C-alpha atoms as a PDB file:
ATOM      1  CA  MET A   1       0.000   0.000   0.000  1.00  0.00           C
ATOM      2  CA  PRO A   2       1.536   3.312  -1.037  1.00  0.00           C
ATOM      3  CA  GLU A   3       2.028   6.055   1.553  1.00  0.00           C
ATOM      4  CA  SER A   4      -0.287   8.972   1.441  1.00  0.00           C
ATOM      5  CA  PRO A   5       1.234  12.397   0.732  1.00  0.00           C
ATOM      6  CA  VAL A   6       0.437  13.518   4.279  1.00  0.00           C
ATOM      7  CA  VAL A   7       2.318  10.605   5.860  1.00  0.00           C
ATOM      8  CA  LYS A   8       5.241  11.139   3.477  1.00  0.00           C
ATOM      9  CA  SER A   9       5.316  14.858   4.343  1.00  0.00           C
ATOM     10  CA  VAL A  10       5.232  14.127   8.076  1.00  0.00           C
ATOM     11  CA  LYS A  11       8.078  11.591   7.722  1.00  0.00           C
ATOM     12  CA  GLU A  12      10.178  14.126   5.835  1.00  0.00           C
ATOM     13  CA  LYS A  13       9.534  16.786   8.450  1.00  0.00           C
ATOM     14  CA  VAL A  14      10.365  14.387  11.302  1.00  0.00           C
ATOM     15  CA  GLY A  15      13.569  13.442   9.486  1.00  0.00           C
ATOM     16  CA  LEU A  16      14.503  17.123   9.152  1.00  0.00           C
ATOM     17  CA  LEU A  17      13.748  17.695  12.833  1.00  0.00           C
ATOM     18  CA  ILE A  18      15.945  14.758  13.832  1.00  0.00           C
ATOM     19  CA  ALA A  19      18.786  16.037  11.641  1.00  0.00           C
ATOM     20  CA  ASP A  20      18.408  19.551  13.085  1.00  0.00           C
ATOM     21  CA  ASN A  21      18.356  18.111  16.601  1.00  0.00           C
ATOM     22  CA  ARG A  22      21.614  16.212  15.998  1.00  0.00           C
ATOM     23  CA  LYS A  23      23.242  19.296  14.520  1.00  0.00           C
ATOM     24  CA  LEU A  24      22.127  21.470  17.448  1.00  0.00           C
ATOM     25  CA  ARG A  25      23.308  18.914  20.004  1.00  0.00           C
ATOM     26  CA  GLU A  26      26.753  18.877  18.406  1.00  0.00           C
ATOM     27  CA  GLU A  27      26.819  22.673  18.324  1.00  0.00           C
ATOM     28  CA  LEU A  28      25.817  22.744  21.997  1.00  0.00           C
ATOM     29  CA  ARG A  29      28.582  20.273  22.869  1.00  0.00           C
ATOM     30  CA  LYS A  30      31.163  22.441  21.098  1.00  0.00           C
ATOM     31  CA  THR A  31      29.823  25.579  22.767  1.00  0.00           C
ATOM     32  CA  VAL A  32      29.978  23.999  26.230  1.00  0.00           C
ATOM     33  CA  GLU A  33      33.519  22.808  25.529  1.00  0.00           C
ATOM     34  CA  HIS A  34      34.520  26.315  24.414  1.00  0.00           C
ATOM     35  CA  ARG A  35      32.881  27.833  27.503  1.00  0.00           C
ATOM     36  CA  ASP A  36      34.764  25.454  29.780  1.00  0.00           C
ATOM     37  CA  LYS A  37      38.073  26.381  28.115  1.00  0.00           C
ATOM     38  CA  LEU A  38      37.273  30.071  28.566  1.00  0.00           C
ATOM     39  CA  LYS A  39      36.423  29.532  32.235  1.00  0.00           C
ATOM     40  CA  ALA A  40      39.716  27.708  32.794  1.00  0.00           C
ATOM     41  CA  GLY A  41      41.593  30.510  31.063  1.00  0.00           C
ATOM     42  CA  ASN A  42      39.745  33.059  33.160  1.00  0.00           C
ATOM     43  CA  ARG A  43      40.710  31.258  36.383  1.00  0.00           C
ATOM     44  CA  GLU A  44      44.351  31.235  35.277  1.00  0.00           C
ATOM     45  CA  LEU A  45      44.235  34.950  34.508  1.00  0.00           C
ATOM     46  CA  GLU A  46      42.604  35.735  37.856  1.00  0.00           C
ATOM     47  CA  ALA A  47      45.341  33.774  39.635  1.00  0.00           C
ATOM     48  CA  GLU A  48      47.962  35.697  37.669  1.00  0.00           C
ATOM     49  CA  ILE A  49      46.296  38.997  38.597  1.00  0.00           C
ATOM     50  CA  ALA A  50      46.304  38.045  42.285  1.00  0.00           C
ATOM     51  CA  ARG A  51      49.970  37.044  42.075  1.00  0.00           C
ATOM     52  CA  LEU A  52      50.885  40.312  40.357  1.00  0.00           C
ATOM     53  CA  GLU A  53      48.869  42.378  42.850  1.00  0.00           C
ATOM     54  CA  LYS A  54      50.801  40.751  45.695  1.00  0.00           C
ATOM     55  CA  ARG A  55      54.053  41.475  43.889  1.00  0.00           C
ATOM     56  CA  ILE A  56      53.044  45.116  43.409  1.00  0.00           C
ATOM     57  CA  ALA A  57      52.205  45.411  47.106  1.00  0.00           C
ATOM     58  CA  VAL A  58      55.589  43.968  48.069  1.00  0.00           C
ATOM     59  CA  LEU A  59      57.414  46.265  45.650  1.00  0.00           C
ATOM     60  CA  GLU A  60      55.504  49.307  46.897  1.00  0.00           C
ATOM     61  CA  LEU A  61      56.359  48.365  50.470  1.00  0.00           C
ATOM     62  CA  LYS A  62      60.003  47.838  49.534  1.00  0.00           C
ATOM     63  CA  ASP A  63      60.125  51.187  47.733  1.00  0.00           C
ATOM     64  CA  GLY A  64      58.566  52.898  50.716  1.00  0.00           C
ATOM     65  CA  MET A  65      61.019  51.336  53.128  1.00  0.00           C
ATOM     66  CA  THR A  66      64.031  52.256  51.024  1.00  0.00           C
ATOM     67  CA  GLY A  67      62.768  55.777  50.471  1.00  0.00           C
ATOM     68  CA  THR A  68      62.579  55.508  46.699  1.00  0.00           C
ATOM     69  CA  GLY A  69      58.802  55.437  46.491  1.00  0.00           C
ATOM     70  CA  ASP A  70      55.780  57.136  47.986  1.00  0.00           C
ATOM     71  CA  ASN A  71      56.420  57.209  51.748  1.00  0.00           C
ATOM     72  CA  LYS A  72      52.782  57.900  52.533  1.00  0.00           C
ATOM     73  CA  LEU A  73      51.681  54.768  50.688  1.00  0.00           C
ATOM     74  CA  ALA A  74      54.330  52.614  52.364  1.00  0.00           C
ATOM     75  CA  ARG A  75      53.493  54.010  55.785  1.00  0.00           C
ATOM     76  CA  ALA A  76      49.800  53.251  55.235  1.00  0.00           C
ATOM     77  CA  ARG A  77      50.648  49.700  54.163  1.00  0.00           C
ATOM     78  CA  VAL A  78      52.867  49.134  57.201  1.00  0.00           C
ATOM     79  CA  ASN A  79      50.166  50.545  59.483  1.00  0.00           C
ATOM     80  CA  ARG A  80      47.588  48.233  57.930  1.00  0.00           C
ATOM     81  CA  LEU A  81      49.882  45.248  58.411  1.00  0.00           C
ATOM     82  CA  MET A  82      50.509  46.251  62.019  1.00  0.00           C
ATOM     83  CA  ARG A  83      46.757  46.464  62.669  1.00  0.00           C
ATOM     84  CA  GLU A  84      46.336  42.968  61.214  1.00  0.00           C
ATOM     85  CA  VAL A  85      49.099  41.666  63.507  1.00  0.00           C
ATOM     86  CA  ASP A  86      47.475  43.392  66.489  1.00  0.00           C
ATOM     87  CA  LYS A  87      44.129  41.759  65.637  1.00  0.00           C
ATOM     88  CA  CYS A  88      45.806  38.353  65.438  1.00  0.00           C
ATOM     89  CA  ILE A  89      47.500  38.873  68.796  1.00  0.00           C
ATOM     90  CA  ALA A  90      44.187  39.953  70.336  1.00  0.00           C
ATOM     91  CA  LEU A  91      42.487  36.833  68.956  1.00  0.00           C
ATOM     92  CA  LEU A  92      45.252  34.610  70.315  1.00  0.00           C
ATOM     93  CA  ASN A  93      45.006  36.261  73.731  1.00  0.00           C
ATOM     94  CA  ARG A  94      41.230  35.878  73.727  1.00  0.00           C
ATOM     95  CA  ASP A  95      41.489  32.190  72.844  1.00  0.00           C
ATOM     96  CA  GLN A  96      44.003  31.578  75.630  1.00  0.00           C
ATOM     97  CA  ALA A  97      41.824  33.216  78.272  1.00  0.00           C
END
């Protein structure tokens, strides 16, 4: 029994939908893979930024201590570090009591 034109049309459309679905799934897989690579690269760059910011802070402190840089900035950094040390000492004393 020959297929009716409606059934044939529906089969063709279903076939096109399946092909489109496969193509979109592959595109999605590639997009997710690309996103994951970008995220990994972003994490590496953020780690590099943090490392460089620490290096800048150390260099600024060194310059301030040697008198070659901005003394006000170095003094503020040293004061901040001293406050952090004082907080740590206070916490240790509190824990011992």
